[in-house]
Amino acid sequence: MELTLPDPEATQALARALAATQPRSPARAVVYLHGDLGAGKSTLARAWLRAHGVTGAIRSPTYTLVEHYPLPEGGRALHLDLYRIGDAGELEFLALDDAEASLWLVEWPEHGVRALPAPDLEIRLALAGPGRGARLQAGTPAGTAWLARLAENTQLRPFYESGPQEVAPDPG
């Protein structure tokens, strides 16, 4: 699925739609957020957490690597920023394999891919004129179903570049 996000409000609308259509089963949703500096990854993550009812400060995990947020509906979210990681082995001290989180939002996942769970959804954000382009791709069957639910969300229709598309999970 490809979208054009002309302004921060459109990015926030995408985050709200993703939160509303997020799978409840399996109990964990893992999302990789790709994009250059300034592409909107943190904006999307913050709006997503707000859509789940997180109140108070939503801190950037740039220096802490991970921030934990209890979710009002139960469970918790992890927001990771792996920009400063040189090798996936550096994540070992975070004990991420023990994390009982229902939502993982991972910025710069390529820096820690061997230490992370596989993504249900990958979102690639890129600068596109004054706005952003977003490409969403499923990585699991749960991700494929998620994209199908997302395609039904009428609030996103103005942002489709080429209409909602069925995207098969990445086989590799």
Protein backbone atom coordinates (compact mmCIF):
# COMPACT_ATOMS: atom_id res chain seq x y z
CA MET A 1 0.00 0.00 0.00
CA GLU A 2 1.40 3.40 -0.94
CA LEU A 3 0.20 6.69 0.49
CA THR A 4 1.04 10.36 0.06
CA LEU A 5 1.05 12.25 3.36
CA PRO A 6 0.99 15.95 2.48
CA ASP A 7 1.40 17.24 6.06
CA PRO A 8 1.90 16.15 9.69
CA GLU A 9 -1.88 15.85 10.13
CA ALA A 10 -1.96 13.19 7.42
CA THR A 11 0.84 11.29 9.18
CA GLN A 12 -1.16 11.47 12.40
CA ALA A 13 -4.27 10.22 10.57
CA LEU A 14 -2.27 7.23 9.32
CA ALA A 15 -1.09 6.53 12.88
CA ARG A 16 -4.67 6.65 14.20
CA ALA A 17 -5.84 4.29 11.45
CA LEU A 18 -2.97 1.89 12.16
CA ALA A 19 -3.78 1.88 15.88
CA ALA A 20 -7.49 1.31 15.20
CA THR A 21 -6.83 -1.63 12.87
CA GLN A 22 -3.93 -3.15 14.82
CA PRO A 23 -4.33 -6.90 15.27
CA ARG A 24 -5.35 -8.12 18.70
CA SER A 25 -4.23 -11.64 17.85
CA PRO A 26 -1.46 -12.52 17.98
CA ALA A 27 -1.08 -10.46 21.12
CA ARG A 28 2.07 -8.76 19.80
CA ALA A 29 2.28 -6.43 16.80
CA VAL A 30 5.79 -5.62 15.57
CA VAL A 31 6.29 -2.64 13.26
CA TYR A 32 9.55 -1.59 11.62
CA LEU A 33 9.76 2.11 10.76
CA HIS A 34 12.23 2.86 7.97
CA GLY A 35 13.29 6.24 6.60
CA ASP A 36 16.00 8.84 6.58
CA LEU A 37 16.40 11.40 9.35
CA GLY A 38 13.41 13.73 9.24
CA ALA A 39 11.18 11.30 7.31
CA GLY A 40 8.51 11.26 10.03
CA LYS A 41 9.19 8.02 11.93
CA SER A 42 9.00 9.64 15.37
CA THR A 43 5.95 11.70 14.40
CA LEU A 44 4.17 8.52 13.34
CA ALA A 45 5.21 6.65 16.50
CA ARG A 46 4.11 9.46 18.83
CA ALA A 47 0.72 9.79 17.13
CA TRP A 48 0.28 6.00 17.25
CA LEU A 49 0.96 5.94 20.99
CA ARG A 50 -1.46 8.85 21.51
CA ALA A 51 -4.09 6.95 19.52
CA HIS A 52 -3.69 4.11 22.01
CA GLY A 53 -4.39 6.55 24.85
CA VAL A 54 -0.84 7.20 26.07
CA THR A 55 -0.85 10.50 27.96
CA GLY A 56 1.97 12.59 29.31
CA ALA A 57 5.38 12.96 27.75
CA ILE A 58 6.28 10.67 24.89
CA ARG A 59 10.05 10.82 24.91
CA SER A 60 12.29 10.10 21.97
CA PRO A 61 14.30 6.92 22.54
CA THR A 62 17.26 8.31 20.58
CA TYR A 63 19.59 8.18 23.59
CA THR A 64 17.81 5.66 25.82
CA LEU A 65 17.29 3.23 22.88
CA VAL A 66 13.92 2.10 24.22
CA GLU A 67 10.98 3.75 25.97
CA HIS A 68 8.20 1.72 27.62
CA TYR A 69 4.58 2.91 27.69
CA PRO A 70 1.72 1.23 29.55
CA LEU A 71 -1.35 1.09 27.32
CA PRO A 72 -4.72 1.98 28.90
CA GLU A 73 -6.38 -0.98 27.15
CA GLY A 74 -3.80 -3.32 28.69
CA GLY A 75 -0.32 -4.42 27.78
CA ARG A 76 2.45 -2.04 26.93
CA ALA A 77 4.22 -0.54 23.98
CA LEU A 78 7.93 -0.37 23.24
CA HIS A 79 9.30 2.48 21.13
CA LEU A 80 12.85 1.75 20.02
CA ASP A 81 15.29 3.97 18.13
CA LEU A 82 18.32 1.97 17.04
CA TYR A 83 20.07 4.72 15.07
CA ARG A 84 23.07 4.72 17.44
CA ILE A 85 23.47 0.93 17.48
CA GLY A 86 26.47 -0.39 15.57
CA ASP A 87 25.75 -4.09 16.00
CA ALA A 88 22.67 -6.07 17.01
CA GLY A 89 24.67 -7.62 19.87
CA GLU A 90 24.60 -4.24 21.60
CA LEU A 91 20.87 -4.76 22.23
CA GLU A 92 21.48 -7.76 24.48
CA PHE A 93 21.56 -5.65 27.65
CA LEU A 94 18.02 -4.39 26.94
CA ALA A 95 16.58 -7.90 27.47
CA LEU A 96 14.19 -7.42 24.57
CA ASP A 97 13.59 -11.16 24.30
CA ASP A 98 11.87 -10.93 27.68
CA ALA A 99 9.72 -7.95 26.75
CA GLU A 100 6.01 -8.66 27.08
CA ALA A 101 4.90 -5.83 24.85
CA SER A 102 1.77 -5.82 22.72
CA LEU A 103 3.19 -3.17 20.36
CA TRP A 104 6.75 -2.73 19.12
CA LEU A 105 7.51 0.44 17.15
CA VAL A 106 11.11 0.13 15.94
CA GLU A 107 12.95 2.99 14.25
CA TRP A 108 16.14 2.07 12.35
CA PRO A 109 15.42 -1.69 12.65
CA GLU A 110 18.23 -2.54 10.21
CA HIS A 111 20.69 -1.73 13.03
CA GLY A 112 19.37 -4.54 15.23
CA VAL A 113 17.54 -6.93 12.96
CA ARG A 114 19.11 -10.14 14.35
CA ALA A 115 18.00 -9.20 17.88
CA LEU A 116 14.44 -8.19 16.99
CA PRO A 117 11.27 -10.17 16.39
CA ALA A 118 10.17 -10.37 12.76
CA PRO A 119 7.94 -7.49 11.67
CA ASP A 120 4.24 -7.88 11.06
CA LEU A 121 4.36 -4.60 9.18
CA GLU A 122 7.14 -2.51 7.65
CA ILE A 123 6.54 1.16 6.98
CA ARG A 124 8.92 3.06 4.74
CA LEU A 125 8.66 6.83 5.00
CA ALA A 126 10.38 9.21 2.59
CA LEU A 127 10.40 12.92 1.93
CA ALA A 128 8.12 13.72 -1.03
CA GLY A 129 8.08 17.42 -1.81
CA PRO A 130 6.63 19.27 1.17
CA GLY A 131 5.10 16.05 2.55
CA ARG A 132 5.97 12.39 2.94
CA GLY A 133 5.45 9.20 1.03
CA ALA A 134 4.60 6.03 2.94
CA ARG A 135 4.89 2.45 1.71
CA LEU A 136 3.37 -0.23 3.93
CA GLN A 137 4.27 -3.88 3.47
CA ALA A 138 3.14 -6.95 5.38
CA GLY A 139 5.75 -9.30 6.78
CA THR A 140 3.44 -11.94 8.28
CA PRO A 141 -0.09 -13.26 7.67
CA ALA A 142 -1.23 -11.06 10.58
CA GLY A 143 0.34 -8.09 8.75
CA THR A 144 -1.50 -8.99 5.55
CA ALA A 145 -4.82 -9.04 7.42
CA TRP A 146 -3.87 -5.75 9.07
CA LEU A 147 -3.29 -4.09 5.70
CA ALA A 148 -6.66 -5.41 4.49
CA ARG A 149 -8.40 -3.81 7.49
CA LEU A 150 -6.43 -0.62 6.92
CA ALA A 151 -7.50 -0.49 3.25
CA GLU A 152 -11.12 -0.43 4.42
CA ASN A 153 -10.50 2.70 6.52
CA THR A 154 -12.26 5.46 4.59
CA GLN A 155 -10.30 8.24 6.36
CA LEU A 156 -7.16 7.19 4.46
CA ARG A 157 -8.70 7.22 0.98
CA PRO A 158 -7.54 10.77 0.17
CA PHE A 159 -3.94 9.67 0.72
CA TYR A 160 -3.79 6.62 -1.58
CA GLU A 161 -1.37 7.03 -4.46
CA SER A 162 -2.73 4.14 -6.47
CA GLY A 163 -5.61 2.83 -4.39
CA PRO A 164 -5.42 0.20 -1.70
CA GLN A 165 -3.51 -2.81 -2.87
CA GLU A 166 -3.22 -6.34 -1.59
CA VAL A 167 0.33 -6.80 -0.42
CA ALA A 168 1.59 -10.31 0.16
CA PRO A 169 3.89 -11.03 3.08
CA ASP A 170 7.57 -10.85 2.29
CA PRO A 171 8.69 -14.49 1.93
CA GLY A 172 12.22 -13.90 3.11
